[in-house]
ModelCIF file with pLDDT and N, C-alpha, C, O atoms, coordinates in Angstrom:
data_MODEL
#
_entry.id   MODEL 
#
_entity.id                         1 
_entity.type                       polymer 
_entity.pdbx_number_of_molecules   1 
#
_entity_poly.entity_id                      1 
_entity_poly.type                           'polypeptide(L)' 
_entity_poly.nstd_linkage                   no 
_entity_poly.nstd_monomer                   no 
_entity_poly.pdbx_seq_one_letter_code       LAAQVRPYAPDLAICLVFVALAGWVTHGLWPDPGGRVLALNPE 
_entity_poly.pdbx_seq_one_letter_code_can   LAAQVRPYAPDLAICLVFVALAGWVTHGLWPDPGGRVLALNPE 
_entity_poly.pdbx_strand_id                 A 
#
loop_
_entity_poly_seq.entity_id 
_entity_poly_seq.num 
_entity_poly_seq.mon_id 
_entity_poly_seq.hetero 
1 1  LEU n 
1 2  ALA n 
1 3  ALA n 
1 4  GLN n 
1 5  VAL n 
1 6  ARG n 
1 7  PRO n 
1 8  TYR n 
1 9  ALA n 
1 10 PRO n 
1 11 ASP n 
1 12 LEU n 
1 13 ALA n 
1 14 ILE n 
1 15 CYS n 
1 16 LEU n 
1 17 VAL n 
1 18 PHE n 
1 19 VAL n 
1 20 ALA n 
1 21 LEU n 
1 22 ALA n 
1 23 GLY n 
1 24 TRP n 
1 25 VAL n 
1 26 THR n 
1 27 HIS n 
1 28 GLY n 
1 29 LEU n 
1 30 TRP n 
1 31 PRO n 
1 32 ASP n 
1 33 PRO n 
1 34 GLY n 
1 35 GLY n 
1 36 ARG n 
1 37 VAL n 
1 38 LEU n 
1 39 ALA n 
1 40 LEU n 
1 41 ASN n 
1 42 PRO n 
1 43 GLU n 
#
_struct_asym.id          A 
_struct_asym.entity_id   1 
#
loop_
_ma_qa_metric.id 
_ma_qa_metric.mode 
_ma_qa_metric.name 
_ma_qa_metric.software_group_id 
_ma_qa_metric.type 
1 global pLDDT . pLDDT 
2 local  pLDDT . pLDDT 
#
_ma_qa_metric_global.metric_id      1 
_ma_qa_metric_global.metric_value   93.09 
_ma_qa_metric_global.model_id       1 
_ma_qa_metric_global.ordinal_id     1 
#
loop_
_ma_qa_metric_local.label_asym_id 
_ma_qa_metric_local.label_comp_id 
_ma_qa_metric_local.label_seq_id 
_ma_qa_metric_local.metric_id 
_ma_qa_metric_local.metric_value 
_ma_qa_metric_local.model_id 
_ma_qa_metric_local.ordinal_id 
A LEU 1  2 73.00 1 1  
A ALA 2  2 75.00 1 2  
A ALA 3  2 79.00 1 3  
A GLN 4  2 78.00 1 4  
A VAL 5  2 78.00 1 5  
A ARG 6  2 83.00 1 6  
A PRO 7  2 84.00 1 7  
A TYR 8  2 88.00 1 8  
A ALA 9  2 91.00 1 9  
A PRO 10 2 94.00 1 10 
A ASP 11 2 95.00 1 11 
A LEU 12 2 95.00 1 12 
A ALA 13 2 96.00 1 13 
A ILE 14 2 97.00 1 14 
A CYS 15 2 97.00 1 15 
A LEU 16 2 98.00 1 16 
A VAL 17 2 98.00 1 17 
A PHE 18 2 98.00 1 18 
A VAL 19 2 98.00 1 19 
A ALA 20 2 98.00 1 20 
A LEU 21 2 98.00 1 21 
A ALA 22 2 98.00 1 22 
A GLY 23 2 97.00 1 23 
A TRP 24 2 97.00 1 24 
A VAL 25 2 98.00 1 25 
A THR 26 2 97.00 1 26 
A HIS 27 2 97.00 1 27 
A GLY 28 2 97.00 1 28 
A LEU 29 2 97.00 1 29 
A TRP 30 2 93.00 1 30 
A PRO 31 2 91.00 1 31 
A ASP 32 2 94.00 1 32 
A PRO 33 2 96.00 1 33 
A GLY 34 2 95.00 1 34 
A GLY 35 2 96.00 1 35 
A ARG 36 2 97.00 1 36 
A VAL 37 2 97.00 1 37 
A LEU 38 2 97.00 1 38 
A ALA 39 2 96.00 1 39 
A LEU 40 2 96.00 1 40 
A ASN 41 2 94.00 1 41 
A PRO 42 2 96.00 1 42 
A GLU 43 2 96.00 1 43 
#
loop_
_atom_site.group_PDB 
_atom_site.id 
_atom_site.type_symbol 
_atom_site.label_atom_id 
_atom_site.label_alt_id 
_atom_site.label_comp_id 
_atom_site.label_asym_id 
_atom_site.label_entity_id 
_atom_site.label_seq_id 
_atom_site.pdbx_PDB_ins_code 
_atom_site.Cartn_x 
_atom_site.Cartn_y 
_atom_site.Cartn_z 
_atom_site.occupancy 
_atom_site.B_iso_or_equiv 
_atom_site.pdbx_formal_charge 
_atom_site.auth_seq_id 
_atom_site.auth_comp_id 
_atom_site.auth_asym_id 
_atom_site.auth_atom_id 
_atom_site.pdbx_PDB_model_num 
ATOM 1   N N  . LEU A 1 1  ? -26.711 -6.451 -2.271 1.00 73.00 ? 1  LEU A N  1 
ATOM 2   C CA . LEU A 1 1  ? -25.518 -6.382 -1.768 1.00 73.00 ? 1  LEU A CA 1 
ATOM 3   C C  . LEU A 1 1  ? -24.377 -5.785 -3.431 1.00 73.00 ? 1  LEU A C  1 
ATOM 4   O O  . LEU A 1 1  ? -23.991 -4.695 -3.855 1.00 73.00 ? 1  LEU A O  1 
ATOM 5   N N  . ALA A 1 2  ? -24.180 -7.762 -4.042 1.00 75.00 ? 2  ALA A N  1 
ATOM 6   C CA . ALA A 1 2  ? -23.642 -7.158 -5.291 1.00 75.00 ? 2  ALA A CA 1 
ATOM 7   C C  . ALA A 1 2  ? -24.479 -5.589 -6.071 1.00 75.00 ? 2  ALA A C  1 
ATOM 8   O O  . ALA A 1 2  ? -23.831 -4.557 -6.245 1.00 75.00 ? 2  ALA A O  1 
ATOM 9   N N  . ALA A 1 3  ? -25.473 -5.673 -6.322 1.00 79.00 ? 3  ALA A N  1 
ATOM 10  C CA . ALA A 1 3  ? -25.674 -4.215 -7.036 1.00 79.00 ? 3  ALA A CA 1 
ATOM 11  C C  . ALA A 1 3  ? -24.932 -3.233 -6.087 1.00 79.00 ? 3  ALA A C  1 
ATOM 12  O O  . ALA A 1 3  ? -23.736 -2.970 -6.209 1.00 79.00 ? 3  ALA A O  1 
ATOM 13  N N  . GLN A 1 4  ? -26.243 -2.393 -4.544 1.00 78.00 ? 4  GLN A N  1 
ATOM 14  C CA . GLN A 1 4  ? -24.696 -1.907 -4.336 1.00 78.00 ? 4  GLN A CA 1 
ATOM 15  C C  . GLN A 1 4  ? -23.843 -1.345 -4.066 1.00 78.00 ? 4  GLN A C  1 
ATOM 16  O O  . GLN A 1 4  ? -23.788 -0.148 -3.784 1.00 78.00 ? 4  GLN A O  1 
ATOM 17  N N  . VAL A 1 5  ? -22.744 -2.365 -4.114 1.00 78.00 ? 5  VAL A N  1 
ATOM 18  C CA . VAL A 1 5  ? -21.642 -1.873 -3.847 1.00 78.00 ? 5  VAL A CA 1 
ATOM 19  C C  . VAL A 1 5  ? -20.837 -2.259 -5.272 1.00 78.00 ? 5  VAL A C  1 
ATOM 20  O O  . VAL A 1 5  ? -19.631 -2.216 -5.031 1.00 78.00 ? 5  VAL A O  1 
ATOM 21  N N  . ARG A 1 6  ? -21.101 -2.635 -6.728 1.00 83.00 ? 6  ARG A N  1 
ATOM 22  C CA . ARG A 1 6  ? -21.187 -2.503 -7.761 1.00 83.00 ? 6  ARG A CA 1 
ATOM 23  C C  . ARG A 1 6  ? -20.376 -1.354 -7.935 1.00 83.00 ? 6  ARG A C  1 
ATOM 24  O O  . ARG A 1 6  ? -19.235 -1.274 -8.391 1.00 83.00 ? 6  ARG A O  1 
ATOM 25  N N  . PRO A 1 7  ? -21.509 -0.048 -7.291 1.00 84.00 ? 7  PRO A N  1 
ATOM 26  C CA . PRO A 1 7  ? -20.778 2.129  -8.015 1.00 84.00 ? 7  PRO A CA 1 
ATOM 27  C C  . PRO A 1 7  ? -19.393 1.951  -7.415 1.00 84.00 ? 7  PRO A C  1 
ATOM 28  O O  . PRO A 1 7  ? -18.421 2.532  -7.898 1.00 84.00 ? 7  PRO A O  1 
ATOM 29  N N  . TYR A 1 8  ? -19.310 1.186  -6.413 1.00 88.00 ? 8  TYR A N  1 
ATOM 30  C CA . TYR A 1 8  ? -17.767 2.171  -5.870 1.00 88.00 ? 8  TYR A CA 1 
ATOM 31  C C  . TYR A 1 8  ? -16.822 0.700  -6.104 1.00 88.00 ? 8  TYR A C  1 
ATOM 32  O O  . TYR A 1 8  ? -16.002 0.650  -5.188 1.00 88.00 ? 8  TYR A O  1 
ATOM 33  N N  . ALA A 1 9  ? -16.699 -0.356 -6.924 1.00 91.00 ? 9  ALA A N  1 
ATOM 34  C CA . ALA A 1 9  ? -15.883 -1.247 -7.206 1.00 91.00 ? 9  ALA A CA 1 
ATOM 35  C C  . ALA A 1 9  ? -15.073 -0.455 -7.663 1.00 91.00 ? 9  ALA A C  1 
ATOM 36  O O  . ALA A 1 9  ? -13.994 -0.373 -7.076 1.00 91.00 ? 9  ALA A O  1 
ATOM 37  N N  . PRO A 1 10 ? -15.250 0.165  -8.538 1.00 94.00 ? 10 PRO A N  1 
ATOM 38  C CA . PRO A 1 10 ? -13.515 1.095  -9.397 1.00 94.00 ? 10 PRO A CA 1 
ATOM 39  C C  . PRO A 1 10 ? -13.210 2.377  -8.544 1.00 94.00 ? 10 PRO A C  1 
ATOM 40  O O  . PRO A 1 10 ? -12.531 3.278  -9.036 1.00 94.00 ? 10 PRO A O  1 
ATOM 41  N N  . ASP A 1 11 ? -13.763 2.476  -7.126 1.00 95.00 ? 11 ASP A N  1 
ATOM 42  C CA . ASP A 1 11 ? -13.212 3.847  -6.411 1.00 95.00 ? 11 ASP A CA 1 
ATOM 43  C C  . ASP A 1 11 ? -12.187 2.429  -5.690 1.00 95.00 ? 11 ASP A C  1 
ATOM 44  O O  . ASP A 1 11 ? -11.075 2.064  -6.071 1.00 95.00 ? 11 ASP A O  1 
ATOM 45  N N  . LEU A 1 12 ? -12.840 1.987  -4.817 1.00 95.00 ? 12 LEU A N  1 
ATOM 46  C CA . LEU A 1 12 ? -12.006 0.743  -4.185 1.00 95.00 ? 12 LEU A CA 1 
ATOM 47  C C  . LEU A 1 12 ? -10.773 -0.033 -4.579 1.00 95.00 ? 12 LEU A C  1 
ATOM 48  O O  . LEU A 1 12 ? -9.804  -0.393 -3.909 1.00 95.00 ? 12 LEU A O  1 
ATOM 49  N N  . ALA A 1 13 ? -11.014 -0.157 -5.584 1.00 96.00 ? 13 ALA A N  1 
ATOM 50  C CA . ALA A 1 13 ? -9.522  -0.610 -6.758 1.00 96.00 ? 13 ALA A CA 1 
ATOM 51  C C  . ALA A 1 13 ? -9.095  0.227  -6.885 1.00 96.00 ? 13 ALA A C  1 
ATOM 52  O O  . ALA A 1 13 ? -7.966  -0.261 -6.847 1.00 96.00 ? 13 ALA A O  1 
ATOM 53  N N  . ILE A 1 14 ? -8.786  1.941  -7.129 1.00 97.00 ? 14 ILE A N  1 
ATOM 54  C CA . ILE A 1 14 ? -8.216  2.439  -7.573 1.00 97.00 ? 14 ILE A CA 1 
ATOM 55  C C  . ILE A 1 14 ? -7.409  2.482  -6.273 1.00 97.00 ? 14 ILE A C  1 
ATOM 56  O O  . ILE A 1 14 ? -6.194  2.682  -6.291 1.00 97.00 ? 14 ILE A O  1 
ATOM 57  N N  . CYS A 1 15 ? -8.189  2.267  -5.006 1.00 97.00 ? 15 CYS A N  1 
ATOM 58  C CA . CYS A 1 15 ? -7.506  3.228  -3.654 1.00 97.00 ? 15 CYS A CA 1 
ATOM 59  C C  . CYS A 1 15 ? -6.958  2.071  -3.008 1.00 97.00 ? 15 CYS A C  1 
ATOM 60  O O  . CYS A 1 15 ? -6.499  2.017  -1.867 1.00 97.00 ? 15 CYS A O  1 
ATOM 61  N N  . LEU A 1 16 ? -7.087  0.830  -4.150 1.00 98.00 ? 16 LEU A N  1 
ATOM 62  C CA . LEU A 1 16 ? -6.079  0.000  -4.259 1.00 98.00 ? 16 LEU A CA 1 
ATOM 63  C C  . LEU A 1 16 ? -4.905  -0.344 -4.497 1.00 98.00 ? 16 LEU A C  1 
ATOM 64  O O  . LEU A 1 16 ? -3.893  -0.765 -3.936 1.00 98.00 ? 16 LEU A O  1 
ATOM 65  N N  . VAL A 1 17 ? -5.318  -0.041 -5.525 1.00 98.00 ? 17 VAL A N  1 
ATOM 66  C CA . VAL A 1 17 ? -3.641  1.004  -6.071 1.00 98.00 ? 17 VAL A CA 1 
ATOM 67  C C  . VAL A 1 17 ? -2.789  1.408  -5.645 1.00 98.00 ? 17 VAL A C  1 
ATOM 68  O O  . VAL A 1 17 ? -1.645  0.959  -5.592 1.00 98.00 ? 17 VAL A O  1 
ATOM 69  N N  . PHE A 1 18 ? -3.409  2.748  -5.101 1.00 98.00 ? 18 PHE A N  1 
ATOM 70  C CA . PHE A 1 18 ? -2.754  3.647  -4.081 1.00 98.00 ? 18 PHE A CA 1 
ATOM 71  C C  . PHE A 1 18 ? -1.657  2.952  -3.298 1.00 98.00 ? 18 PHE A C  1 
ATOM 72  O O  . PHE A 1 18 ? -0.459  3.135  -3.085 1.00 98.00 ? 18 PHE A O  1 
ATOM 73  N N  . VAL A 1 19 ? -2.783  1.895  -2.893 1.00 98.00 ? 19 VAL A N  1 
ATOM 74  C CA . VAL A 1 19 ? -2.155  1.238  -1.907 1.00 98.00 ? 19 VAL A CA 1 
ATOM 75  C C  . VAL A 1 19 ? -1.580  0.339  -1.764 1.00 98.00 ? 19 VAL A C  1 
ATOM 76  O O  . VAL A 1 19 ? -1.461  0.000  -0.586 1.00 98.00 ? 19 VAL A O  1 
ATOM 77  N N  . ALA A 1 20 ? -0.834  -0.647 -2.938 1.00 98.00 ? 20 ALA A N  1 
ATOM 78  C CA . ALA A 1 20 ? 0.188   -1.541 -3.468 1.00 98.00 ? 20 ALA A CA 1 
ATOM 79  C C  . ALA A 1 20 ? 0.890   -0.600 -3.888 1.00 98.00 ? 20 ALA A C  1 
ATOM 80  O O  . ALA A 1 20 ? 2.054   -0.984 -3.777 1.00 98.00 ? 20 ALA A O  1 
ATOM 81  N N  . LEU A 1 21 ? 0.858   0.848  -4.488 1.00 98.00 ? 21 LEU A N  1 
ATOM 82  C CA . LEU A 1 21 ? 2.066   1.772  -4.657 1.00 98.00 ? 21 LEU A CA 1 
ATOM 83  C C  . LEU A 1 21 ? 2.888   1.679  -3.458 1.00 98.00 ? 21 LEU A C  1 
ATOM 84  O O  . LEU A 1 21 ? 4.023   1.298  -3.175 1.00 98.00 ? 21 LEU A O  1 
ATOM 85  N N  . ALA A 1 22 ? 1.766   2.230  -2.799 1.00 98.00 ? 22 ALA A N  1 
ATOM 86  C CA . ALA A 1 22 ? 2.541   2.678  -1.194 1.00 98.00 ? 22 ALA A CA 1 
ATOM 87  C C  . ALA A 1 22 ? 3.912   1.559  -0.742 1.00 98.00 ? 22 ALA A C  1 
ATOM 88  O O  . ALA A 1 22 ? 5.141   1.608  -0.697 1.00 98.00 ? 22 ALA A O  1 
ATOM 89  N N  . GLY A 1 23 ? 2.704   0.477  -0.430 1.00 97.00 ? 23 GLY A N  1 
ATOM 90  C CA . GLY A 1 23 ? 3.954   -0.454 -0.011 1.00 97.00 ? 23 GLY A CA 1 
ATOM 91  C C  . GLY A 1 23 ? 4.967   -1.203 -1.502 1.00 97.00 ? 23 GLY A C  1 
ATOM 92  O O  . GLY A 1 23 ? 5.641   -2.225 -1.368 1.00 97.00 ? 23 GLY A O  1 
ATOM 93  N N  . TRP A 1 24 ? 4.895   -0.710 -2.343 1.00 97.00 ? 24 TRP A N  1 
ATOM 94  C CA . TRP A 1 24 ? 6.517   -0.876 -3.735 1.00 97.00 ? 24 TRP A CA 1 
ATOM 95  C C  . TRP A 1 24 ? 7.299   -0.045 -3.240 1.00 97.00 ? 24 TRP A C  1 
ATOM 96  O O  . TRP A 1 24 ? 8.473   -0.351 -3.030 1.00 97.00 ? 24 TRP A O  1 
ATOM 97  N N  . VAL A 1 25 ? 6.653   1.564  -2.861 1.00 98.00 ? 25 VAL A N  1 
ATOM 98  C CA . VAL A 1 25 ? 7.317   2.861  -1.853 1.00 98.00 ? 25 VAL A CA 1 
ATOM 99  C C  . VAL A 1 25 ? 8.717   2.305  -0.890 1.00 98.00 ? 25 VAL A C  1 
ATOM 100 O O  . VAL A 1 25 ? 9.916   2.392  -0.625 1.00 98.00 ? 25 VAL A O  1 
ATOM 101 N N  . THR A 1 26 ? 7.037   1.507  -0.589 1.00 97.00 ? 26 THR A N  1 
ATOM 102 C CA . THR A 1 26 ? 8.349   1.494  0.704  1.00 97.00 ? 26 THR A CA 1 
ATOM 103 C C  . THR A 1 26 ? 8.395   -0.332 1.408  1.00 97.00 ? 26 THR A C  1 
ATOM 104 O O  . THR A 1 26 ? 8.230   -0.766 2.548  1.00 97.00 ? 26 THR A O  1 
ATOM 105 N N  . HIS A 1 27 ? 8.662   -0.930 0.232  1.00 97.00 ? 27 HIS A N  1 
ATOM 106 C CA . HIS A 1 27 ? 8.648   -2.140 0.768  1.00 97.00 ? 27 HIS A CA 1 
ATOM 107 C C  . HIS A 1 27 ? 9.880   -3.107 0.699  1.00 97.00 ? 27 HIS A C  1 
ATOM 108 O O  . HIS A 1 27 ? 9.996   -4.308 0.455  1.00 97.00 ? 27 HIS A O  1 
ATOM 109 N N  . GLY A 1 28 ? 11.162  -1.630 1.160  1.00 97.00 ? 28 GLY A N  1 
ATOM 110 C CA . GLY A 1 28 ? 12.125  -2.507 1.553  1.00 97.00 ? 28 GLY A CA 1 
ATOM 111 C C  . GLY A 1 28 ? 12.048  -2.635 3.011  1.00 97.00 ? 28 GLY A C  1 
ATOM 112 O O  . GLY A 1 28 ? 13.027  -3.109 3.588  1.00 97.00 ? 28 GLY A O  1 
ATOM 113 N N  . LEU A 1 29 ? 10.876  -2.228 3.781  1.00 97.00 ? 29 LEU A N  1 
ATOM 114 C CA . LEU A 1 29 ? 11.488  -2.104 5.343  1.00 97.00 ? 29 LEU A CA 1 
ATOM 115 C C  . LEU A 1 29 ? 11.068  -3.216 5.816  1.00 97.00 ? 29 LEU A C  1 
ATOM 116 O O  . LEU A 1 29 ? 11.347  -3.591 6.955  1.00 97.00 ? 29 LEU A O  1 
ATOM 117 N N  . TRP A 1 30 ? 10.043  -4.154 4.650  1.00 93.00 ? 30 TRP A N  1 
ATOM 118 C CA . TRP A 1 30 ? 9.385   -5.314 4.352  1.00 93.00 ? 30 TRP A CA 1 
ATOM 119 C C  . TRP A 1 30 ? 10.089  -6.147 4.275  1.00 93.00 ? 30 TRP A C  1 
ATOM 120 O O  . TRP A 1 30 ? 11.090  -5.944 3.589  1.00 93.00 ? 30 TRP A O  1 
ATOM 121 N N  . PRO A 1 31 ? 9.941   -7.337 4.859  1.00 91.00 ? 31 PRO A N  1 
ATOM 122 C CA . PRO A 1 31 ? 9.107   -8.393 6.230  1.00 91.00 ? 31 PRO A CA 1 
ATOM 123 C C  . PRO A 1 31 ? 9.235   -8.102 7.431  1.00 91.00 ? 31 PRO A C  1 
ATOM 124 O O  . PRO A 1 31 ? 8.484   -8.413 8.356  1.00 91.00 ? 31 PRO A O  1 
ATOM 125 N N  . ASP A 1 32 ? 11.036  -6.957 7.489  1.00 94.00 ? 32 ASP A N  1 
ATOM 126 C CA . ASP A 1 32 ? 11.353  -7.174 9.142  1.00 94.00 ? 32 ASP A CA 1 
ATOM 127 C C  . ASP A 1 32 ? 11.778  -5.170 9.544  1.00 94.00 ? 32 ASP A C  1 
ATOM 128 O O  . ASP A 1 32 ? 12.854  -4.714 9.929  1.00 94.00 ? 32 ASP A O  1 
ATOM 129 N N  . PRO A 1 33 ? 10.447  -4.402 9.249  1.00 96.00 ? 33 PRO A N  1 
ATOM 130 C CA . PRO A 1 33 ? 11.130  -3.453 10.220 1.00 96.00 ? 33 PRO A CA 1 
ATOM 131 C C  . PRO A 1 33 ? 11.813  -3.223 11.455 1.00 96.00 ? 33 PRO A C  1 
ATOM 132 O O  . PRO A 1 33 ? 12.079  -2.223 12.123 1.00 96.00 ? 33 PRO A O  1 
ATOM 133 N N  . GLY A 1 34 ? 11.963  -4.140 11.529 1.00 95.00 ? 34 GLY A N  1 
ATOM 134 C CA . GLY A 1 34 ? 13.156  -4.031 12.825 1.00 95.00 ? 34 GLY A CA 1 
ATOM 135 C C  . GLY A 1 34 ? 13.986  -4.217 12.632 1.00 95.00 ? 34 GLY A C  1 
ATOM 136 O O  . GLY A 1 34 ? 14.857  -3.601 13.246 1.00 95.00 ? 34 GLY A O  1 
ATOM 137 N N  . GLY A 1 35 ? 14.484  -5.511 11.325 1.00 96.00 ? 35 GLY A N  1 
ATOM 138 C CA . GLY A 1 35 ? 16.322  -5.375 11.408 1.00 96.00 ? 35 GLY A CA 1 
ATOM 139 C C  . GLY A 1 35 ? 16.509  -4.494 10.234 1.00 96.00 ? 35 GLY A C  1 
ATOM 140 O O  . GLY A 1 35 ? 17.681  -4.366 9.880  1.00 96.00 ? 35 GLY A O  1 
ATOM 141 N N  . ARG A 1 36 ? 15.214  -3.576 9.251  1.00 97.00 ? 36 ARG A N  1 
ATOM 142 C CA . ARG A 1 36 ? 15.225  -2.644 8.369  1.00 97.00 ? 36 ARG A CA 1 
ATOM 143 C C  . ARG A 1 36 ? 15.176  -0.976 8.481  1.00 97.00 ? 36 ARG A C  1 
ATOM 144 O O  . ARG A 1 36 ? 14.275  -0.349 9.037  1.00 97.00 ? 36 ARG A O  1 
ATOM 145 N N  . VAL A 1 37 ? 16.097  -0.524 7.969  1.00 97.00 ? 37 VAL A N  1 
ATOM 146 C CA . VAL A 1 37 ? 16.287  0.485  8.270  1.00 97.00 ? 37 VAL A CA 1 
ATOM 147 C C  . VAL A 1 37 ? 16.260  2.040  7.137  1.00 97.00 ? 37 VAL A C  1 
ATOM 148 O O  . VAL A 1 37 ? 17.391  2.062  6.651  1.00 97.00 ? 37 VAL A O  1 
ATOM 149 N N  . LEU A 1 38 ? 15.250  3.562  6.435  1.00 97.00 ? 38 LEU A N  1 
ATOM 150 C CA . LEU A 1 38 ? 15.461  3.677  5.839  1.00 97.00 ? 38 LEU A CA 1 
ATOM 151 C C  . LEU A 1 38 ? 17.078  4.633  5.903  1.00 97.00 ? 38 LEU A C  1 
ATOM 152 O O  . LEU A 1 38 ? 17.542  5.388  6.757  1.00 97.00 ? 38 LEU A O  1 
ATOM 153 N N  . ALA A 1 39 ? 17.738  4.015  4.178  1.00 96.00 ? 39 ALA A N  1 
ATOM 154 C CA . ALA A 1 39 ? 19.806  4.070  4.608  1.00 96.00 ? 39 ALA A CA 1 
ATOM 155 C C  . ALA A 1 39 ? 19.784  5.639  3.634  1.00 96.00 ? 39 ALA A C  1 
ATOM 156 O O  . ALA A 1 39 ? 20.903  5.800  3.146  1.00 96.00 ? 39 ALA A O  1 
ATOM 157 N N  . LEU A 1 40 ? 18.829  6.769  3.257  1.00 96.00 ? 40 LEU A N  1 
ATOM 158 C CA . LEU A 1 40 ? 19.411  7.317  3.826  1.00 96.00 ? 40 LEU A CA 1 
ATOM 159 C C  . LEU A 1 40 ? 19.221  8.918  4.323  1.00 96.00 ? 40 LEU A C  1 
ATOM 160 O O  . LEU A 1 40 ? 19.585  10.079 4.133  1.00 96.00 ? 40 LEU A O  1 
ATOM 161 N N  . ASN A 1 41 ? 18.566  8.247  4.922  1.00 94.00 ? 41 ASN A N  1 
ATOM 162 C CA . ASN A 1 41 ? 18.110  9.774  5.791  1.00 94.00 ? 41 ASN A CA 1 
ATOM 163 C C  . ASN A 1 41 ? 18.185  8.348  7.515  1.00 94.00 ? 41 ASN A C  1 
ATOM 164 O O  . ASN A 1 41 ? 17.107  8.057  8.033  1.00 94.00 ? 41 ASN A O  1 
ATOM 165 N N  . PRO A 1 42 ? 18.864  8.022  7.808  1.00 96.00 ? 42 PRO A N  1 
ATOM 166 C CA . PRO A 1 42 ? 18.779  6.542  9.233  1.00 96.00 ? 42 PRO A CA 1 
ATOM 167 C C  . PRO A 1 42 ? 18.518  7.565  10.189 1.00 96.00 ? 42 PRO A C  1 
ATOM 168 O O  . PRO A 1 42 ? 17.746  7.408  11.134 1.00 96.00 ? 42 PRO A O  1 
ATOM 169 N N  . GLU A 1 43 ? 19.317  8.886  9.895  1.00 96.00 ? 43 GLU A N  1 
ATOM 170 C CA . GLU A 1 43 ? 18.669  9.692  11.865 1.00 96.00 ? 43 GLU A CA 1 
ATOM 171 C C  . GLU A 1 43 ? 18.210  10.579 12.276 1.00 96.00 ? 43 GLU A C  1 
ATOM 172 O O  . GLU A 1 43 ? 17.999  10.660 13.486 1.00 96.00 ? 43 GLU A O  1 
#
């Protein structure tokens, strides 16, 4: 299984970087989306 997954590990790592970056950009809404709102365009 490790041999089958290993070739795709770098792809998975890059995808996780993108997920983490998306979390960084939107982290102001977390961990309480019901209590936070985008400040520049709440309408």
